[in-house]
Amino acid sequence: MNFNTGKELLDLTQQVGNIYEVILEYEAYTHHIKKDDVVKQLEKSWSIMQASIKTGLEKNRTEKGFMIGGEALKMQDRLKEKDTLCSHSLIKAISYGLSVMEVNACMGKIVACPTAGSSGVMPAILLNLKESMDLTDEAIIKGLLVGSGIGIIIGKNATLSGAQGGCQAEVGSASAMAAAAAVEIMGGTPQMVLTASAIAIQNLLGLVCDPVAGLVEEPCQKRNAIGIANALISAEMALAGINNLIPFDEVVQAMREVADIMPMSLRETSEGGIAKTPTGKKYEEEIFSLNE
């Protein structure tokens, strides 16, 4: 069983009955393993995701580039406040995402989902849903697999690499995958899964990759936060029955076209954007001088 586009995935879903089973069979077939083994690998990834969130929230951390550290705990402190701009659920999810990025920045163990630079989005969405909805790990695993299926399609037809497509390819893809997972977990239809993913990518289309000093810290950590919020917004709209004018496959193609015309200075080279601001250059000089 194979699929290369969202349309092909939907067509297969009509034959099999649900989107989860299609992607499960695809993974088993592609990697020449049993379905149970696919699930076991997902369970391992889910365990690592949860552990990375916990590790990042244990204490204030100083990361390799000294640009981030302690942000996750600061967001946790916001949960103690009565008057917050965002819901406590969103604040908690953001704290989880920031936590994973802190662990990644100090070379801790994370799941690149789909990349290290966007590794906070999916775990944050999944754990927040599990806790707020009192869900089973089985439900979470199904969402994770469906989100992975969206990542497969993006990877085949566009890119998941910041060096090729900017941060739209990293956080944008992670946000689309997390939106798909959320819709699946909440009982949405396969079409809603694709709609949520399309909205998520569309919302972050053109997002550049400009890490200060070439390190996955700033602005990467904060972009994971917007990826989390974007995933939830996109999933909520899809679950409400709001359609996206541009189909998922066309949105993915648009991402590829934007990636192709994006200047190299904005594709993970640290030669443009935030990385080349006066403060960004100052940090780059300080970090490199420490490593000499």
Protein backbone atom coordinates (compact mmCIF):
# COMPACT_ATOMS: atom_id res chain seq x y z
CA MET A 1 0.00 0.00 0.00
CA ASN A 2 1.56 3.27 -1.11
CA PHE A 3 0.64 6.94 -1.35
CA ASN A 4 2.49 10.02 -2.52
CA THR A 5 -0.14 12.73 -2.18
CA GLY A 6 -2.98 13.72 0.08
CA LYS A 7 -5.49 12.75 -2.61
CA GLU A 8 -4.01 9.26 -2.87
CA LEU A 9 -4.12 8.94 0.91
CA LEU A 10 -7.80 9.90 0.94
CA ASP A 11 -8.59 7.43 -1.85
CA LEU A 12 -6.93 4.62 0.12
CA THR A 13 -8.79 5.68 3.24
CA GLN A 14 -12.09 5.12 1.46
CA GLN A 15 -11.00 1.55 0.72
CA VAL A 16 -9.57 0.71 4.14
CA GLY A 17 -11.90 2.68 6.36
CA ASN A 18 -9.63 5.03 8.31
CA ILE A 19 -6.51 7.08 7.77
CA TYR A 20 -4.59 5.48 10.65
CA GLU A 21 -4.80 1.99 9.16
CA VAL A 22 -3.61 3.19 5.74
CA ILE A 23 -0.50 4.81 7.20
CA LEU A 24 0.14 1.84 9.48
CA GLU A 25 0.09 -0.54 6.52
CA TYR A 26 2.29 1.84 4.53
CA GLU A 27 4.91 1.98 7.30
CA ALA A 28 4.92 -1.79 7.75
CA TYR A 29 5.23 -2.37 4.01
CA THR A 30 7.90 0.28 3.45
CA HIS A 31 10.15 -0.88 6.29
CA HIS A 32 9.43 -4.59 5.84
CA ILE A 33 8.24 -5.05 9.40
CA LYS A 34 5.04 -6.12 11.14
CA LYS A 35 2.38 -3.61 12.12
CA ASP A 36 3.02 -4.40 15.78
CA ASP A 37 6.65 -3.41 15.30
CA VAL A 38 5.59 -0.08 13.81
CA VAL A 39 3.48 0.58 16.88
CA LYS A 40 6.36 -0.40 19.18
CA GLN A 41 8.63 2.09 17.46
CA LEU A 42 5.98 4.79 17.84
CA GLU A 43 5.63 3.93 21.53
CA LYS A 44 9.39 4.36 21.92
CA SER A 45 9.28 7.74 20.20
CA TRP A 46 6.35 8.81 22.36
CA SER A 47 8.27 7.81 25.49
CA ILE A 48 11.28 9.88 24.43
CA MET A 49 9.04 12.85 23.65
CA GLN A 50 7.52 12.79 27.13
CA ALA A 51 10.92 12.39 28.76
CA SER A 52 12.34 15.37 26.87
CA ILE A 53 9.51 17.57 28.11
CA LYS A 54 10.07 16.43 31.70
CA THR A 55 13.84 16.92 31.48
CA GLY A 56 13.55 20.45 30.20
CA LEU A 57 11.20 21.42 33.02
CA GLU A 58 13.38 20.08 35.81
CA LYS A 59 15.60 23.15 36.18
CA ASN A 60 16.88 26.29 34.52
CA ARG A 61 19.30 25.21 31.83
CA THR A 62 22.13 27.03 30.11
CA GLU A 63 22.37 25.89 26.53
CA LYS A 64 25.38 25.59 24.25
CA GLY A 65 24.98 29.05 22.77
CA PHE A 66 23.92 30.74 26.03
CA MET A 67 20.98 32.31 24.20
CA ILE A 68 18.14 30.30 25.71
CA GLY A 69 17.49 28.51 28.97
CA GLY A 70 14.73 28.70 31.57
CA GLU A 71 11.97 29.83 29.22
CA ALA A 72 9.93 26.66 29.75
CA LEU A 73 9.87 27.20 33.50
CA LYS A 74 8.87 30.84 33.04
CA MET A 75 5.88 29.72 30.98
CA GLN A 76 5.02 27.20 33.70
CA ASP A 77 5.04 30.07 36.20
CA ARG A 78 2.45 31.85 34.04
CA LEU A 79 0.07 29.00 34.82
CA LYS A 80 -0.09 30.30 38.40
CA GLU A 81 -1.51 33.61 37.19
CA LYS A 82 -5.27 34.11 36.99
CA ASP A 83 -5.20 36.78 34.32
CA THR A 84 -3.45 35.44 31.23
CA LEU A 85 -3.94 36.37 27.60
CA CYS A 86 -3.94 32.75 26.44
CA SER A 87 -5.78 29.78 27.89
CA HIS A 88 -3.88 27.77 30.47
CA SER A 89 -4.00 24.83 28.11
CA LEU A 90 -2.14 26.76 25.41
CA ILE A 91 0.35 28.15 27.91
CA LYS A 92 1.09 24.64 29.16
CA ALA A 93 1.53 23.34 25.60
CA ILE A 94 3.95 26.17 24.80
CA SER A 95 5.95 25.45 27.95
CA TYR A 96 6.27 21.84 26.81
CA GLY A 97 7.53 22.88 23.39
CA LEU A 98 10.04 25.33 24.84
CA SER A 99 11.23 22.59 27.17
CA VAL A 100 12.03 20.18 24.34
CA MET A 101 13.96 22.87 22.50
CA GLU A 102 16.05 23.54 25.61
CA VAL A 103 16.89 19.85 25.84
CA ASN A 104 17.80 19.80 22.16
CA ALA A 105 20.04 22.85 22.53
CA CYS A 106 22.11 21.16 25.24
CA MET A 107 22.46 17.98 23.17
CA GLY A 108 19.84 16.03 25.11
CA LYS A 109 17.71 13.22 23.72
CA ILE A 110 14.77 14.32 21.58
CA VAL A 111 12.72 13.03 18.66
CA ALA A 112 13.32 14.98 15.45
CA CYS A 113 9.71 15.26 14.38
CA PRO A 114 10.32 16.05 11.62
CA THR A 115 13.55 17.91 12.49
CA ALA A 116 15.54 18.84 15.59
CA GLY A 117 14.74 22.50 14.97
CA SER A 118 11.01 21.79 15.14
CA SER A 119 11.12 18.99 17.71
CA GLY A 120 9.03 20.78 20.32
CA VAL A 121 5.79 21.08 18.36
CA MET A 122 4.49 17.52 18.16
CA PRO A 123 5.37 16.45 21.75
CA ALA A 124 3.77 19.59 23.14
CA ILE A 125 0.51 19.04 21.28
CA LEU A 126 0.34 15.34 22.12
CA LEU A 127 1.11 15.58 25.83
CA ASN A 128 -1.17 18.56 26.30
CA LEU A 129 -4.03 16.67 24.64
CA LYS A 130 -3.33 13.53 26.66
CA GLU A 131 -3.44 15.42 29.93
CA SER A 132 -6.32 17.80 29.18
CA MET A 133 -8.52 15.13 27.59
CA ASP A 134 -7.41 12.25 29.84
CA LEU A 135 -6.53 10.17 26.78
CA THR A 136 -4.88 6.78 26.53
CA ASP A 137 -1.42 6.29 25.06
CA GLU A 138 -3.09 4.24 22.32
CA ALA A 139 -5.06 7.29 21.18
CA ILE A 140 -1.91 9.40 21.23
CA ILE A 141 0.01 6.83 19.17
CA LYS A 142 -2.69 6.89 16.52
CA GLY A 143 -2.42 10.66 16.30
CA LEU A 144 1.36 10.47 16.10
CA LEU A 145 1.19 8.01 13.21
CA VAL A 146 -1.33 10.10 11.29
CA GLY A 147 0.84 13.17 11.78
CA SER A 148 3.80 11.19 10.50
CA GLY A 149 1.83 10.33 7.37
CA ILE A 150 1.41 14.03 6.65
CA GLY A 151 5.15 14.45 7.11
CA ILE A 152 5.79 11.70 4.59
CA ILE A 153 3.73 13.49 1.95
CA ILE A 154 5.43 16.84 2.61
CA GLY A 155 8.83 15.19 2.41
CA LYS A 156 8.00 13.55 -0.92
CA ASN A 157 6.54 16.62 -2.59
CA ALA A 158 8.30 19.56 -0.95
CA THR A 159 10.94 19.42 1.79
CA LEU A 160 11.36 19.06 5.55
CA SER A 161 14.78 20.69 5.52
CA GLY A 162 15.45 24.22 6.70
CA ALA A 163 18.53 24.31 4.47
CA GLN A 164 16.32 23.63 1.46
CA GLY A 165 13.12 25.41 2.33
CA GLY A 166 13.54 27.67 5.34
CA CYS A 167 11.64 27.32 8.60
CA GLN A 168 8.36 26.85 6.72
CA ALA A 169 9.76 23.38 5.97
CA GLU A 170 10.65 22.71 9.61
CA VAL A 171 8.23 24.39 11.99
CA GLY A 172 5.64 24.71 9.23
CA SER A 173 5.72 20.98 8.55
CA ALA A 174 5.82 20.12 12.24
CA SER A 175 2.78 22.33 12.79
CA ALA A 176 0.93 20.63 9.94
CA MET A 177 1.80 17.21 11.32
CA ALA A 178 0.69 18.18 14.83
CA ALA A 179 -2.55 19.66 13.51
CA ALA A 180 -3.25 16.39 11.71
CA ALA A 181 -2.52 14.43 14.88
CA ALA A 182 -4.86 16.62 16.91
CA VAL A 183 -7.71 16.22 14.42
CA GLU A 184 -7.25 12.44 14.36
CA ILE A 185 -7.20 12.26 18.17
CA MET A 186 -10.35 14.39 18.38
CA GLY A 187 -12.22 12.10 16.00
CA GLY A 188 -12.10 14.25 12.88
CA THR A 189 -12.52 12.84 9.38
CA PRO A 190 -9.61 12.14 7.02
CA GLN A 191 -10.59 15.20 5.01
CA MET A 192 -10.45 17.30 8.18
CA VAL A 193 -6.94 15.94 8.81
CA LEU A 194 -5.77 17.20 5.42
CA THR A 195 -7.62 20.49 5.82
CA ALA A 196 -5.97 21.18 9.17
CA SER A 197 -2.57 20.40 7.68
CA ALA A 198 -3.19 22.66 4.70
CA ILE A 199 -4.21 25.56 6.94
CA ALA A 200 -1.16 25.07 9.16
CA ILE A 201 1.30 25.14 6.25
CA GLN A 202 -0.49 28.03 4.59
CA ASN A 203 -0.31 30.09 7.79
CA LEU A 204 3.49 29.74 7.97
CA LEU A 205 4.26 29.80 4.25
CA GLY A 206 7.48 31.67 3.58
CA LEU A 207 8.82 31.44 7.14
CA VAL A 208 12.60 31.83 6.91
CA CYS A 209 15.35 29.89 8.69
CA ASP A 210 17.85 32.32 10.24
CA PRO A 211 19.42 30.81 13.39
CA VAL A 212 21.69 33.16 15.33
CA ALA A 213 25.27 31.85 15.21
CA GLY A 214 23.99 28.81 13.33
CA LEU A 215 22.66 27.26 16.55
CA VAL A 216 19.17 25.85 16.99
CA GLU A 217 18.27 28.22 19.81
CA GLU A 218 17.18 31.70 18.74
CA PRO A 219 14.71 32.31 17.11
CA CYS A 220 14.07 28.57 16.72
CA GLN A 221 12.70 27.98 20.22
CA LYS A 222 10.10 30.73 19.91
CA ARG A 223 9.09 29.58 16.45
CA ASN A 224 8.21 26.22 17.96
CA ALA A 225 5.79 28.13 20.17
CA ILE A 226 4.06 29.68 17.15
CA GLY A 227 4.02 26.25 15.52
CA ILE A 228 2.16 24.87 18.53
CA ALA A 229 -0.42 27.64 18.57
CA ASN A 230 -0.82 27.43 14.80
CA ALA A 231 -1.42 23.67 14.95
CA LEU A 232 -4.17 24.06 17.52
CA ILE A 233 -5.81 26.92 15.61
CA SER A 234 -5.69 24.97 12.35
CA ALA A 235 -7.07 21.81 13.94
CA GLU A 236 -9.86 23.73 15.63
CA MET A 237 -10.95 25.36 12.38
CA ALA A 238 -10.91 22.03 10.53
CA LEU A 239 -12.92 20.34 13.30
CA ALA A 240 -15.45 23.18 13.10
CA GLY A 241 -16.03 22.27 9.46
CA ILE A 242 -14.13 25.22 8.00
CA ASN A 243 -12.63 24.25 4.65
CA ASN A 244 -9.43 25.56 3.11
CA LEU A 245 -9.89 27.07 -0.33
CA ILE A 246 -6.57 25.63 -1.55
CA PRO A 247 -6.34 21.82 -1.26
CA PHE A 248 -3.58 20.25 0.83
CA ASP A 249 -1.56 18.97 -2.14
CA GLU A 250 -1.56 22.40 -3.78
CA VAL A 251 -0.47 24.05 -0.53
CA VAL A 252 2.44 21.58 -0.30
CA GLN A 253 3.37 22.39 -3.90
CA ALA A 254 3.25 26.09 -3.07
CA MET A 255 5.64 25.46 -0.19
CA ARG A 256 8.06 23.81 -2.58
CA GLU A 257 7.85 26.71 -5.02
CA VAL A 258 8.43 29.23 -2.24
CA ALA A 259 11.42 27.18 -1.08
CA ASP A 260 12.89 27.22 -4.57
CA ILE A 261 12.86 31.01 -4.78
CA MET A 262 13.87 31.68 -1.18
CA PRO A 263 17.33 33.30 -0.99
CA MET A 264 20.12 31.12 0.40
CA SER A 265 20.69 33.77 3.07
CA LEU A 266 17.33 32.78 4.57
CA ARG A 267 17.84 29.02 4.41
CA GLU A 268 19.73 28.04 7.56
CA THR A 269 22.95 29.77 6.51
CA SER A 270 22.70 32.46 9.21
CA GLU A 271 23.48 35.03 6.52
CA GLY A 272 20.24 36.95 6.79
CA GLY A 273 17.17 37.74 8.86
CA ILE A 274 17.45 37.66 12.67
CA ALA A 275 20.93 36.15 12.48
CA LYS A 276 22.33 39.28 10.83
CA THR A 277 20.80 41.89 13.11
CA PRO A 278 23.34 43.86 15.20
CA THR A 279 22.48 41.83 18.29
CA GLY A 280 22.50 38.60 16.36
CA LYS A 281 25.99 39.31 15.02
CA LYS A 282 27.16 40.30 18.51
CA TYR A 283 26.09 36.94 19.94
CA GLU A 284 27.70 35.12 17.04
CA GLU A 285 31.03 36.82 17.72
CA GLU A 286 30.83 36.14 21.45
CA ILE A 287 29.93 32.47 21.00
CA PHE A 288 32.69 31.82 18.48
CA SER A 289 35.24 33.60 20.66
CA LEU A 290 34.34 31.31 23.57
CA ASN A 291 34.96 28.26 21.42
CA GLU A 292 38.37 29.39 20.15
